[in-house]
Amino acid sequence: MLARSVPALFAVLGLGVATGSAHGEMRSVQLKKNLCKTTGGGKFVDIPGFPGEKIDRRLLPDIRWMKRNYSIFISDGYARYGHAAKGEHPIGLATDIVPHRNRGGTWGKIDRLAEKVEPRQNRPRLPWRWVGYNGDAGHGRGDHLHLSWSHSSNTTPGKPARWVLTRKCPKTPDGTGDSGGISTQRGSDPLAGIAAAVPERS
C-alpha cells in the first residue's frame, strides 16, 4: 500500500525521479533560422550511439546534426556529479565532445564545430550559452570541447529545465519540429530575457 502511494506523493510534491521529466507538453517555436525555443517535455534519455550517456531529449536533433557534420564522440552528457553543481551537465543540457575516431572524427572537425558555435572567444552563438575550448582552462584541442545550451533560469540539478534553446526544433506531439513546420513568434522580441554568456559552469 505504502509503495503504491510513493509515486503519487512525489507527484503532489513536484519531485522528479532519477531520469527526470519537465512538466507540461512539449511545445516548440522557431525563433529564427537555426534557433528554436522548446518549453516543457524535458526528459533525460539515452544518447543513441553513446552507451551510458544521457541527455535532455530536446537536444537530440542538435546532437544528430553534430554527429552527421562533425563526427563527434560524446564523452559526457547528463551527469549529477563530477561537474559544476550549477552548470548544465546536472540538468542534461551540456555535452563534452571529442573526435569519434571510428567514424572519421578529427580534431580539425572539432575545431570547425567550435568556431561555428563560438566565432569569438566568450561570445557563443545562440542557442549555446557557454563554450569551453581553446583558451579555457581544462578544455581545448586534445582535451575536449564543452557545449552548454541556453535555458530557463532557476533550474534544479536532476530535473529538466522548463525551456531550452536549440539549433533544431525537436519533434513535438503534433508531429512538427526537427525538419521544420514550427510557426515563428511575432510581436515582442522572442529573445528578450535570454541571458548572454556568463562565466564557466562546465
Protein backbone atom coordinates (compact mmCIF):
# COMPACT_ATOMS: atom_id res chain seq x y z
CA MET A 1 0.00 0.00 0.00
CA LEU A 2 2.74 2.42 1.02
CA ALA A 3 4.87 1.57 -2.04
CA ARG A 4 2.00 2.35 -4.38
CA SER A 5 1.44 5.73 -2.71
CA VAL A 6 5.03 6.93 -3.20
CA PRO A 7 4.67 7.95 -6.89
CA ALA A 8 1.50 9.86 -6.03
CA LEU A 9 3.31 11.60 -3.17
CA PHE A 10 6.16 12.57 -5.50
CA ALA A 11 3.65 13.97 -7.98
CA VAL A 12 1.94 16.07 -5.30
CA LEU A 13 5.27 17.45 -4.08
CA GLY A 14 6.51 18.05 -7.62
CA LEU A 15 9.54 15.84 -7.10
CA GLY A 16 11.20 14.08 -10.04
CA VAL A 17 12.76 10.67 -10.29
CA ALA A 18 16.31 9.95 -11.42
CA THR A 19 15.51 10.18 -15.12
CA GLY A 20 13.55 13.42 -14.68
CA SER A 21 10.75 14.90 -16.78
CA ALA A 22 9.77 18.52 -17.26
CA HIS A 23 6.15 19.38 -16.53
CA GLY A 24 3.84 20.17 -19.41
CA GLU A 25 3.53 19.11 -23.01
CA MET A 26 6.45 19.87 -25.29
CA ARG A 27 5.89 22.97 -27.41
CA SER A 28 8.47 24.30 -29.87
CA VAL A 29 8.63 27.70 -31.53
CA GLN A 30 11.17 28.54 -34.21
CA LEU A 31 12.50 31.98 -33.26
CA LYS A 32 14.62 32.43 -36.37
CA LYS A 33 16.79 30.34 -38.67
CA ASN A 34 18.76 27.79 -36.63
CA LEU A 35 17.20 28.85 -33.33
CA CYS A 36 14.29 27.15 -31.59
CA LYS A 37 12.75 27.51 -28.13
CA THR A 38 11.12 24.42 -26.66
CA THR A 39 9.06 24.62 -23.49
CA GLY A 40 8.07 21.54 -21.50
CA GLY A 41 8.66 17.92 -22.42
CA GLY A 42 12.16 17.69 -20.96
CA LYS A 43 13.32 14.19 -20.09
CA PHE A 44 16.73 12.57 -19.66
CA VAL A 45 17.17 9.84 -22.28
CA ASP A 46 19.94 7.67 -23.69
CA ILE A 47 22.02 9.27 -26.44
CA PRO A 48 21.89 6.89 -29.45
CA GLY A 49 25.37 5.64 -30.31
CA PHE A 50 26.92 6.62 -26.98
CA PRO A 51 26.27 3.82 -24.44
CA GLY A 52 25.90 5.02 -20.87
CA GLU A 53 25.40 8.66 -21.81
CA LYS A 54 22.14 10.55 -21.31
CA ILE A 55 20.90 14.00 -22.31
CA ASP A 56 17.72 16.05 -22.25
CA ARG A 57 15.80 14.64 -25.21
CA ARG A 58 15.20 18.13 -26.59
CA LEU A 59 18.89 18.25 -27.61
CA LEU A 60 18.79 15.08 -29.72
CA PRO A 61 18.23 16.86 -33.08
CA ASP A 62 21.24 19.11 -32.40
CA ILE A 63 23.34 16.08 -31.47
CA ARG A 64 22.32 14.31 -34.69
CA TRP A 65 23.37 17.41 -36.63
CA MET A 66 26.79 17.44 -34.92
CA LYS A 67 27.31 13.70 -35.44
CA ARG A 68 26.47 13.98 -39.12
CA ASN A 69 28.58 17.07 -39.84
CA TYR A 70 31.47 16.88 -37.39
CA SER A 71 31.91 13.16 -36.48
CA ILE A 72 31.71 13.87 -32.75
CA PHE A 73 32.00 11.48 -29.83
CA ILE A 74 30.20 12.50 -26.63
CA SER A 75 32.30 11.59 -23.60
CA ASP A 76 29.87 13.08 -21.08
CA GLY A 77 26.32 14.41 -21.13
CA TYR A 78 23.83 14.46 -18.25
CA ALA A 79 25.81 13.99 -15.03
CA ARG A 80 24.78 14.84 -11.48
CA TYR A 81 28.36 14.75 -10.20
CA GLY A 82 31.86 15.48 -11.45
CA HIS A 83 30.94 18.88 -12.91
CA ALA A 84 29.94 22.31 -11.61
CA ALA A 85 26.85 21.86 -9.44
CA LYS A 86 25.15 24.88 -11.01
CA GLY A 87 26.25 24.10 -14.54
CA GLU A 88 24.41 22.41 -17.37
CA HIS A 89 25.65 18.82 -17.01
CA PRO A 90 23.44 18.24 -13.92
CA ILE A 91 20.34 19.36 -15.89
CA GLY A 92 21.17 17.42 -19.05
CA LEU A 93 21.94 20.46 -21.21
CA ALA A 94 25.70 20.07 -21.73
CA THR A 95 27.99 17.79 -23.70
CA ASP A 96 31.72 17.11 -23.58
CA ILE A 97 32.92 16.29 -27.09
CA VAL A 98 36.00 14.67 -28.66
CA PRO A 99 36.58 13.25 -32.16
CA HIS A 100 34.84 9.95 -33.00
CA ARG A 101 37.92 8.23 -34.41
CA ASN A 102 35.96 5.20 -35.64
CA ARG A 103 33.70 7.49 -37.69
CA GLY A 104 36.39 9.65 -39.27
CA GLY A 105 36.47 12.20 -36.48
CA THR A 106 39.45 14.52 -36.17
CA TRP A 107 40.43 17.47 -34.03
CA GLY A 108 40.21 19.53 -37.21
CA LYS A 109 36.47 18.80 -37.36
CA ILE A 110 36.09 19.65 -33.67
CA ASP A 111 37.96 22.93 -34.33
CA ARG A 112 35.43 23.76 -37.07
CA LEU A 113 32.49 22.97 -34.79
CA ALA A 114 33.97 25.12 -32.01
CA GLU A 115 34.49 28.01 -34.43
CA LYS A 116 30.93 27.70 -35.73
CA VAL A 117 29.33 27.81 -32.28
CA GLU A 118 31.72 30.44 -30.89
CA PRO A 119 33.33 32.59 -33.63
CA ARG A 120 34.84 34.89 -30.97
CA GLN A 121 36.10 33.92 -27.50
CA ASN A 122 33.37 34.17 -24.85
CA ARG A 123 30.75 35.19 -27.43
CA PRO A 124 28.87 31.97 -28.26
CA ARG A 125 26.12 31.96 -30.83
CA LEU A 126 22.65 31.11 -29.60
CA PRO A 127 21.45 28.52 -28.75
CA TRP A 128 24.72 27.90 -26.89
CA ARG A 129 25.18 29.56 -23.51
CA TRP A 130 28.81 28.69 -22.88
CA VAL A 131 31.51 27.06 -25.00
CA GLY A 132 34.66 25.65 -23.43
CA TYR A 133 37.53 25.16 -25.84
CA ASN A 134 40.90 26.74 -26.71
CA GLY A 135 41.67 29.49 -24.21
CA ASP A 136 39.50 27.96 -21.47
CA ALA A 137 41.26 26.11 -18.65
CA GLY A 138 40.76 22.34 -18.79
CA HIS A 139 39.28 22.49 -22.28
CA GLY A 140 40.51 22.71 -25.84
CA ARG A 141 42.12 20.80 -28.70
CA GLY A 142 43.49 17.50 -27.43
CA ASP A 143 41.26 17.64 -24.33
CA HIS A 144 37.58 18.25 -25.12
CA LEU A 145 35.01 20.73 -26.41
CA HIS A 146 32.32 21.63 -23.89
CA LEU A 147 28.94 22.90 -25.12
CA SER A 148 26.18 24.26 -22.87
CA TRP A 149 22.75 25.16 -24.24
CA SER A 150 20.83 28.28 -23.10
CA HIS A 151 17.83 27.58 -20.89
CA SER A 152 15.35 28.91 -18.34
CA SER A 153 16.63 30.20 -15.00
CA ASN A 154 16.05 28.69 -11.56
CA THR A 155 16.99 25.15 -12.54
CA THR A 156 17.42 22.23 -10.14
CA PRO A 157 20.09 19.51 -10.57
CA GLY A 158 18.45 16.24 -11.61
CA LYS A 159 15.41 17.96 -13.14
CA PRO A 160 14.99 19.18 -16.74
CA ALA A 161 14.84 22.91 -17.35
CA ARG A 162 11.45 24.46 -18.09
CA TRP A 163 12.61 25.59 -21.53
CA VAL A 164 15.71 25.27 -23.69
CA LEU A 165 17.06 26.87 -26.85
CA THR A 166 18.33 24.55 -29.59
CA ARG A 167 19.58 24.86 -33.15
CA LYS A 168 16.89 22.49 -34.41
CA CYS A 169 13.36 22.07 -33.13
CA PRO A 170 12.68 18.67 -31.55
CA LYS A 171 9.63 16.78 -32.71
CA THR A 172 6.55 17.64 -30.69
CA PRO A 173 3.39 15.60 -30.02
CA ASP A 174 1.65 17.20 -33.02
CA GLY A 175 4.42 15.88 -35.31
CA THR A 176 6.09 19.22 -36.02
CA GLY A 177 9.70 20.05 -35.35
CA ASP A 178 13.21 18.99 -36.37
CA SER A 179 12.69 19.36 -40.11
CA GLY A 180 10.52 22.49 -39.82
CA GLY A 181 6.83 23.22 -39.62
CA ILE A 182 7.03 25.31 -36.46
CA SER A 183 5.37 28.71 -36.57
CA THR A 184 7.54 31.76 -35.89
CA GLN A 185 6.76 34.00 -32.94
CA ARG A 186 5.68 37.51 -33.85
CA GLY A 187 5.24 40.71 -31.92
CA SER A 188 7.57 41.16 -28.96
CA ASP A 189 11.21 40.22 -29.20
CA PRO A 190 11.30 36.41 -28.81
CA LEU A 191 14.86 36.59 -27.46
CA ALA A 192 14.07 39.12 -24.74
CA GLY A 193 15.15 37.96 -21.32
CA ILE A 194 17.61 35.35 -22.59
CA ALA A 195 20.86 35.87 -20.74
CA ALA A 196 24.15 36.43 -22.52
CA ALA A 197 27.14 34.20 -21.88
CA VAL A 198 28.30 34.01 -18.27
CA PRO A 199 31.50 32.61 -16.74
CA GLU A 200 32.32 28.92 -17.00
CA ARG A 201 29.83 26.48 -15.49
CA SER A 202 31.04 23.28 -17.15
